[in-house]
C-alpha atoms as a PDB file:
ATOM      1  CA  MET A   1       9.188 -25.521  11.131  1.00  0.00           C
ATOM      2  CA  SER A   2      10.241 -23.036  13.440  1.00  0.00           C
ATOM      3  CA  ASN A   3       8.705 -21.540  15.835  1.00  0.00           C
ATOM      4  CA  ILE A   4      10.282 -18.530  15.521  1.00  0.00           C
ATOM      5  CA  ALA A   5       6.895 -15.790  15.269  1.00  0.00           C
ATOM      6  CA  ASN A   6       6.552 -12.835  13.556  1.00  0.00           C
ATOM      7  CA  LYS A   7       5.881  -8.926  13.468  1.00  0.00           C
ATOM      8  CA  GLY A   8       4.228  -8.162  10.377  1.00  0.00           C
ATOM      9  CA  LEU A   9       5.463  -5.777   8.219  1.00  0.00           C
ATOM     10  CA  LEU A  10       3.558  -2.672   6.493  1.00  0.00           C
ATOM     11  CA  LEU A  11       4.232  -3.075   2.994  1.00  0.00           C
ATOM     12  CA  ILE A  12       3.369   0.173   0.451  1.00  0.00           C
ATOM     13  CA  ILE A  13       2.733   0.168  -3.110  1.00  0.00           C
ATOM     14  CA  SER A  14       2.844   3.332  -4.583  1.00  0.00           C
ATOM     15  CA  SER A  15       2.564   3.890  -8.206  1.00  0.00           C
ATOM     16  CA  PRO A  16       1.787   6.572 -11.049  1.00  0.00           C
ATOM     17  CA  SER A  17      -2.183   5.551 -12.074  1.00  0.00           C
ATOM     18  CA  GLY A  18      -2.526   2.412 -14.768  1.00  0.00           C
ATOM     19  CA  ALA A  19       1.436   0.824 -13.838  1.00  0.00           C
ATOM     20  CA  GLY A  20      -0.883  -1.781 -12.262  1.00  0.00           C
ATOM     21  CA  LYS A  21      -0.538  -1.002  -8.450  1.00  0.00           C
ATOM     22  CA  THR A  22      -4.382  -2.394  -7.758  1.00  0.00           C
ATOM     23  CA  THR A  23      -4.608  -4.986  -9.684  1.00  0.00           C
ATOM     24  CA  ILE A  24      -1.440  -7.079  -8.585  1.00  0.00           C
ATOM     25  CA  CYS A  25      -2.059  -6.012  -4.527  1.00  0.00           C
ATOM     26  CA  LYS A  26      -5.108  -8.185  -5.606  1.00  0.00           C
ATOM     27  CA  LYS A  27      -3.393 -10.824  -6.578  1.00  0.00           C
ATOM     28  CA  LEU A  28      -0.628 -10.900  -3.439  1.00  0.00           C
ATOM     29  CA  ILE A  29      -4.061 -11.125  -1.286  1.00  0.00           C
ATOM     30  CA  ASP A  30      -4.604 -14.016  -3.330  1.00  0.00           C
ATOM     31  CA  GLU A  31      -1.488 -15.807  -3.281  1.00  0.00           C
ATOM     32  CA  VAL A  32       0.246 -15.093   0.267  1.00  0.00           C
ATOM     33  CA  ASP A  33      -0.387 -16.716   3.677  1.00  0.00           C
ATOM     34  CA  GLU A  34      -0.025 -14.330   6.456  1.00  0.00           C
ATOM     35  CA  ILE A  35      -1.018 -10.417   4.580  1.00  0.00           C
ATOM     36  CA  ASP A  36      -4.085  -8.521   4.499  1.00  0.00           C
ATOM     37  CA  LEU A  37      -5.517  -5.220   2.836  1.00  0.00           C
ATOM     38  CA  SER A  38      -6.000  -1.998   4.581  1.00  0.00           C
ATOM     39  CA  VAL A  39      -9.089   0.369   4.427  1.00  0.00           C
ATOM     40  CA  SER A  40      -9.595   2.832   3.809  1.00  0.00           C
ATOM     41  CA  VAL A  41     -11.217   5.086   5.429  1.00  0.00           C
ATOM     42  CA  THR A  42     -13.821   7.836   3.708  1.00  0.00           C
ATOM     43  CA  THR A  43     -15.965  10.289   3.107  1.00  0.00           C
ATOM     44  CA  ARG A  44     -16.892   9.782  -0.815  1.00  0.00           C
ATOM     45  CA  LYS A  45     -19.894   8.431  -1.299  1.00  0.00           C
ATOM     46  CA  LYS A  46     -20.962   4.407  -1.220  1.00  0.00           C
ATOM     47  CA  ARG A  47     -21.379   2.944  -4.754  1.00  0.00           C
ATOM     48  CA  LYS A  48     -23.620  -0.128  -4.964  1.00  0.00           C
ATOM     49  CA  ASP A  49     -21.144  -3.423  -4.664  1.00  0.00           C
ATOM     50  CA  GLU A  50     -18.505  -1.984  -1.613  1.00  0.00           C
ATOM     51  CA  ILE A  51     -18.959  -3.535   1.611  1.00  0.00           C
ATOM     52  CA  GLU A  52     -18.595  -1.894   4.417  1.00  0.00           C
ATOM     53  CA  GLY A  53     -15.708  -2.620   6.468  1.00  0.00           C
ATOM     54  CA  LYS A  54     -13.937  -4.484   3.178  1.00  0.00           C
ATOM     55  CA  HIS A  55     -14.072  -1.562   0.376  1.00  0.00           C
ATOM     56  CA  TYR A  56     -14.163   0.841   3.068  1.00  0.00           C
ATOM     57  CA  PHE A  57     -15.264   2.547   6.639  1.00  0.00           C
ATOM     58  CA  PHE A  58     -17.184   5.641   4.945  1.00  0.00           C
ATOM     59  CA  LYS A  59     -17.636   8.499   6.753  1.00  0.00           C
ATOM     60  CA  ASN A  60     -19.055  11.962   6.569  1.00  0.00           C
ATOM     61  CA  GLU A  61     -16.199  14.456   7.094  1.00  0.00           C
ATOM     62  CA  ASP A  62     -17.095  15.411  10.998  1.00  0.00           C
ATOM     63  CA  GLU A  63     -16.252  12.395  11.734  1.00  0.00           C
ATOM     64  CA  PHE A  64     -13.545  11.950   9.164  1.00  0.00           C
ATOM     65  CA  ARG A  65     -11.707  14.846  10.976  1.00  0.00           C
ATOM     66  CA  LEU A  66     -13.230  13.670  14.565  1.00  0.00           C
ATOM     67  CA  LEU A  67     -10.959  11.110  14.210  1.00  0.00           C
ATOM     68  CA  LEU A  68      -8.557  12.751  12.762  1.00  0.00           C
ATOM     69  CA  ARG A  69      -8.263  15.458  15.358  1.00  0.00           C
ATOM     70  CA  LYS A  70      -8.477  12.328  17.727  1.00  0.00           C
ATOM     71  CA  ASN A  71      -4.597  11.439  15.835  1.00  0.00           C
ATOM     72  CA  GLN A  72      -6.529   7.854  14.543  1.00  0.00           C
ATOM     73  CA  PHE A  73      -4.549   8.305  11.064  1.00  0.00           C
ATOM     74  CA  LEU A  74      -0.869   7.020   9.742  1.00  0.00           C
ATOM     75  CA  GLU A  75      -1.484   8.784   6.938  1.00  0.00           C
ATOM     76  CA  TYR A  76      -4.703  11.050   4.892  1.00  0.00           C
ATOM     77  CA  ALA A  77      -5.511  12.603   1.961  1.00  0.00           C
ATOM     78  CA  ASN A  78      -8.018  14.867   0.157  1.00  0.00           C
ATOM     79  CA  VAL A  79      -8.680  13.824  -3.034  1.00  0.00           C
ATOM     80  CA  PHE A  80     -10.801  15.617  -5.609  1.00  0.00           C
ATOM     81  CA  GLY A  81     -12.902  16.833  -2.535  1.00  0.00           C
ATOM     82  CA  CYS A  82     -13.050  13.403  -0.914  1.00  0.00           C
ATOM     83  CA  LEU A  83     -11.448  12.656   2.255  1.00  0.00           C
ATOM     84  CA  TYR A  84      -9.148   9.233   3.032  1.00  0.00           C
ATOM     85  CA  GLY A  85      -7.175   7.861   5.543  1.00  0.00           C
ATOM     86  CA  THR A  86      -4.950   5.386   6.582  1.00  0.00           C
ATOM     87  CA  LEU A  87      -6.086   3.860  10.094  1.00  0.00           C
ATOM     88  CA  LYS A  88      -3.385   3.491  12.747  1.00  0.00           C
ATOM     89  CA  LYS A  89      -5.310   0.623  14.933  1.00  0.00           C
ATOM     90  CA  GLU A  90      -6.015  -0.842  11.914  1.00  0.00           C
ATOM     91  CA  VAL A  91      -3.203  -1.287  10.915  1.00  0.00           C
ATOM     92  CA  VAL A  92      -0.544  -1.219  13.892  1.00  0.00           C
ATOM     93  CA  SER A  93      -3.078  -4.451  15.236  1.00  0.00           C
ATOM     94  CA  LYS A  94      -2.493  -6.706  12.211  1.00  0.00           C
ATOM     95  CA  ILE A  95       0.990  -6.111  12.167  1.00  0.00           C
ATOM     96  CA  ASN A  96       1.052  -6.921  16.091  1.00  0.00           C
ATOM     97  CA  LYS A  97      -0.557 -10.263  15.579  1.00  0.00           C
ATOM     98  CA  GLY A  98       2.142 -11.401  12.602  1.00  0.00           C
ATOM     99  CA  ILE A  99      -0.206 -10.243   9.734  1.00  0.00           C
ATOM    100  CA  ASP A 100       0.845  -7.798   7.181  1.00  0.00           C
ATOM    101  CA  VAL A 101      -0.240  -5.470   5.746  1.00  0.00           C
ATOM    102  CA  ILE A 102      -0.725  -3.774   2.019  1.00  0.00           C
ATOM    103  CA  VAL A 103      -1.285  -0.008   2.151  1.00  0.00           C
ATOM    104  CA  ASP A 104      -2.490   1.171  -1.817  1.00  0.00           C
ATOM    105  CA  ILE A 105      -0.778   4.941  -1.695  1.00  0.00           C
ATOM    106  CA  ASP A 106       1.357   7.731  -3.321  1.00  0.00           C
ATOM    107  CA  TRP A 107       4.523   9.286  -2.009  1.00  0.00           C
ATOM    108  CA  GLN A 108       2.943  11.743  -0.021  1.00  0.00           C
ATOM    109  CA  GLY A 109       0.937   9.650   1.745  1.00  0.00           C
ATOM    110  CA  THR A 110       4.324   7.051   2.507  1.00  0.00           C
ATOM    111  CA  ARG A 111       5.830  10.314   3.849  1.00  0.00           C
ATOM    112  CA  GLN A 112       4.046  10.567   6.615  1.00  0.00           C
ATOM    113  CA  ILE A 113       3.093   7.193   7.511  1.00  0.00           C
ATOM    114  CA  VAL A 114       7.224   7.052   7.406  1.00  0.00           C
ATOM    115  CA  ASN A 115       7.257   9.699   9.841  1.00  0.00           C
ATOM    116  CA  GLN A 116       5.543   6.995  11.713  1.00  0.00           C
ATOM    117  CA  LEU A 117       6.269   3.732  11.538  1.00  0.00           C
ATOM    118  CA  PRO A 118       9.845   4.051  10.428  1.00  0.00           C
ATOM    119  CA  LYS A 119      11.251   0.231  10.851  1.00  0.00           C
ATOM    120  CA  ASP A 120       7.625  -1.652   9.762  1.00  0.00           C
ATOM    121  CA  VAL A 121       7.137  -0.333   6.738  1.00  0.00           C
ATOM    122  CA  VAL A 122       8.623  -1.692   3.346  1.00  0.00           C
ATOM    123  CA  LYS A 123       8.727   0.795   0.451  1.00  0.00           C
ATOM    124  CA  ILE A 124       7.978  -0.786  -3.779  1.00  0.00           C
ATOM    125  CA  PHE A 125       7.226   1.669  -6.264  1.00  0.00           C
ATOM    126  CA  ILE A 126       6.106  -0.023  -9.344  1.00  0.00           C
ATOM    127  CA  LEU A 127       6.993   1.712 -12.539  1.00  0.00           C
ATOM    128  CA  PRO A 128       4.819   1.119 -16.148  1.00  0.00           C
ATOM    129  CA  PRO A 129       7.433  -0.746 -19.308  1.00  0.00           C
ATOM    130  CA  SER A 130       7.242   3.224 -21.091  1.00  0.00           C
ATOM    131  CA  MET A 131       5.167   5.724 -21.023  1.00  0.00           C
ATOM    132  CA  LYS A 132       3.949   5.094 -24.788  1.00  0.00           C
ATOM    133  CA  GLU A 133       2.656   1.613 -22.742  1.00  0.00           C
ATOM    134  CA  LEU A 134       1.334   3.920 -19.220  1.00  0.00           C
ATOM    135  CA  GLU A 135      -1.022   6.163 -21.960  1.00  0.00           C
ATOM    136  CA  SER A 136      -2.322   3.031 -23.823  1.00  0.00           C
ATOM    137  CA  ARG A 137      -2.864   1.737 -20.415  1.00  0.00           C
ATOM    138  CA  LEU A 138      -4.588   5.445 -19.344  1.00  0.00           C
ATOM    139  CA  GLY A 139      -6.485   6.005 -23.117  1.00  0.00           C
ATOM    140  CA  LYS A 140      -8.538   3.091 -22.836  1.00  0.00           C
ATOM    141  CA  ARG A 141     -10.464   4.342 -19.996  1.00  0.00           C
ATOM    142  CA  ALA A 142     -13.287   4.332 -21.203  1.00  0.00           C
ATOM    143  CA  SER A 143     -14.423   8.463 -19.513  1.00  0.00           C
ATOM    144  CA  GLU A 144     -11.650   9.676 -20.283  1.00  0.00           C
ATOM    145  CA  ASN A 145     -11.476  13.046 -22.610  1.00  0.00           C
ATOM    146  CA  LYS A 146      -8.388  14.512 -24.129  1.00  0.00           C
ATOM    147  CA  GLU A 147      -8.439  17.383 -20.247  1.00  0.00           C
ATOM    148  CA  ASN A 148      -8.626  14.674 -18.321  1.00  0.00           C
ATOM    149  CA  PHE A 149      -6.286  12.800 -20.008  1.00  0.00           C
ATOM    150  CA  LYS A 150      -3.044  15.224 -19.953  1.00  0.00           C
ATOM    151  CA  LYS A 151      -4.242  15.900 -16.023  1.00  0.00           C
ATOM    152  CA  ARG A 152      -3.206  12.353 -15.598  1.00  0.00           C
ATOM    153  CA  MET A 153      -0.266  11.353 -17.195  1.00  0.00           C
ATOM    154  CA  SER A 154       1.579  14.837 -15.969  1.00  0.00           C
ATOM    155  CA  GLU A 155      -0.066  13.372 -12.501  1.00  0.00           C
ATOM    156  CA  ALA A 156       1.640   9.777 -13.941  1.00  0.00           C
ATOM    157  CA  LYS A 157       5.030  11.522 -13.863  1.00  0.00           C
ATOM    158  CA  LYS A 158       4.924  13.525 -10.604  1.00  0.00           C
ATOM    159  CA  GLU A 159       4.880  10.775  -8.627  1.00  0.00           C
ATOM    160  CA  ILE A 160       7.514   8.641 -11.022  1.00  0.00           C
ATOM    161  CA  SER A 161      10.327  11.374 -10.693  1.00  0.00           C
ATOM    162  CA  HIS A 162       9.634   9.493  -6.596  1.00  0.00           C
ATOM    163  CA  TYR A 163      10.241   7.804  -7.155  1.00  0.00           C
ATOM    164  CA  THR A 164      14.333   7.836  -5.120  1.00  0.00           C
ATOM    165  CA  GLU A 165      12.358   7.817  -2.115  1.00  0.00           C
ATOM    166  CA  TYR A 166      11.725   4.055  -2.212  1.00  0.00           C
ATOM    167  CA  ASP A 167      13.034   0.562  -1.325  1.00  0.00           C
ATOM    168  CA  PHE A 168      12.768  -1.362  -4.566  1.00  0.00           C
ATOM    169  CA  VAL A 169      11.924  -0.244  -7.521  1.00  0.00           C
ATOM    170  CA  ILE A 170      10.026  -3.329  -9.910  1.00  0.00           C
ATOM    171  CA  VAL A 171       9.028  -2.953 -13.574  1.00  0.00           C
ATOM    172  CA  ASN A 172       5.326  -4.418 -14.292  1.00  0.00           C
ATOM    173  CA  ASP A 173       5.571  -5.772 -17.371  1.00  0.00           C
ATOM    174  CA  ASP A 174       5.162  -8.790 -17.407  1.00  0.00           C
ATOM    175  CA  LEU A 175       1.867  -8.713 -14.643  1.00  0.00           C
ATOM    176  CA  GLN A 176       2.490 -12.345 -12.924  1.00  0.00           C
ATOM    177  CA  LEU A 177       6.454 -11.663 -13.029  1.00  0.00           C
ATOM    178  CA  ALA A 178       6.199  -8.208 -11.200  1.00  0.00           C
ATOM    179  CA  VAL A 179       3.978 -10.194  -7.981  1.00  0.00           C
ATOM    180  CA  ASP A 180       6.879 -12.942  -8.004  1.00  0.00           C
ATOM    181  CA  GLN A 181       9.454 -10.285  -7.811  1.00  0.00           C
ATOM    182  CA  ILE A 182       7.047  -8.832  -4.831  1.00  0.00           C
ATOM    183  CA  LYS A 183       7.146 -12.021  -3.041  1.00  0.00           C
ATOM    184  CA  LEU A 184      10.549 -12.542  -3.029  1.00  0.00           C
ATOM    185  CA  ILE A 185      11.054  -8.848  -0.749  1.00  0.00           C
ATOM    186  CA  LEU A 186       8.243  -9.760   1.568  1.00  0.00           C
ATOM    187  CA  PHE A 187       9.478 -13.318   2.084  1.00  0.00           C
ATOM    188  CA  SER A 188      13.152 -12.131   2.664  1.00  0.00           C
ATOM    189  CA  GLU A 189      11.733  -9.027   5.097  1.00  0.00           C
ATOM    190  CA  ARG A 190      10.091 -10.765   7.056  1.00  0.00           C
ATOM    191  CA  LEU A 191      13.265 -12.870   7.669  1.00  0.00           C
ATOM    192  CA  ARG A 192      14.875  -9.540   9.394  1.00  0.00           C
ATOM    193  CA  ARG A 193      16.828  -9.622  12.519  1.00  0.00           C
ATOM    194  CA  TYR A 194      14.154  -7.686  14.727  1.00  0.00           C
ATOM    195  CA  ARG A 195      10.689  -9.421  13.300  1.00  0.00           C
ATOM    196  CA  GLN A 196      11.861 -12.452  14.476  1.00  0.00           C
ATOM    197  CA  LEU A 197      10.226 -11.812  18.175  1.00  0.00           C
ATOM    198  CA  ASN A 198      11.060 -14.423  19.564  1.00  0.00           C
ATOM    199  CA  LEU A 199      15.033 -15.492  17.855  1.00  0.00           C
ATOM    200  CA  ASN A 200      16.796 -14.575  21.144  1.00  0.00           C
ATOM    201  CA  LYS A 201      15.656 -17.176  23.478  1.00  0.00           C
ATOM    202  CA  MET A 202      16.054 -19.479  20.719  1.00  0.00           C
ATOM    203  CA  ILE A 203      19.305 -18.500  20.108  1.00  0.00           C
ATOM    204  CA  GLU A 204      20.017 -18.536  24.258  1.00  0.00           C
ATOM    205  CA  LYS A 205      18.698 -22.548  24.099  1.00  0.00           C
ATOM    206  CA  LEU A 206      21.493 -22.694  21.029  1.00  0.00           C
ATOM    207  CA  ILE A 207      24.822 -21.755  23.360  1.00  0.00           C
END
């Protein structure tokens, strides 16, 4: 077994709504060691089944904006009137301990994070197998009315148009296959030379 310590990485997973990224992220957490899901800060009201620090860090708007002024976020966004942000300290501390961190965000958030941590980021975009399948998945969501459905489809197409900004693109036609493909990417990225922290010392002993 290798004694080489690794620096963690930030695994960004983006997709249009309905492509399955939330399920994929949960399966990665269940199936892979040394990986964690980033916990975002939000001003959205806490739901009954949600746990502080596990699902979100819940803040009021003044508290959120104070963190923003102190440059505490890797990225942030206003989503339907609620603020969401990824804490820099939360992510960087885990990466430095050799823990990989999954962040589930859109292309705009991805751009913000890449500007701050360009060498630590691996970007994966998840596609649905077809627009017909995406329409079917979104149409099954209980609270959708026709207007909201059209808006979601329009947003999905806009999100897909940014696929070229990502390192890897995976079609989620088979959930377990998609998860296995991401695991292959993750395990390969862990072996990048600059992420193997004491590799130089090992090489010195070899030569």
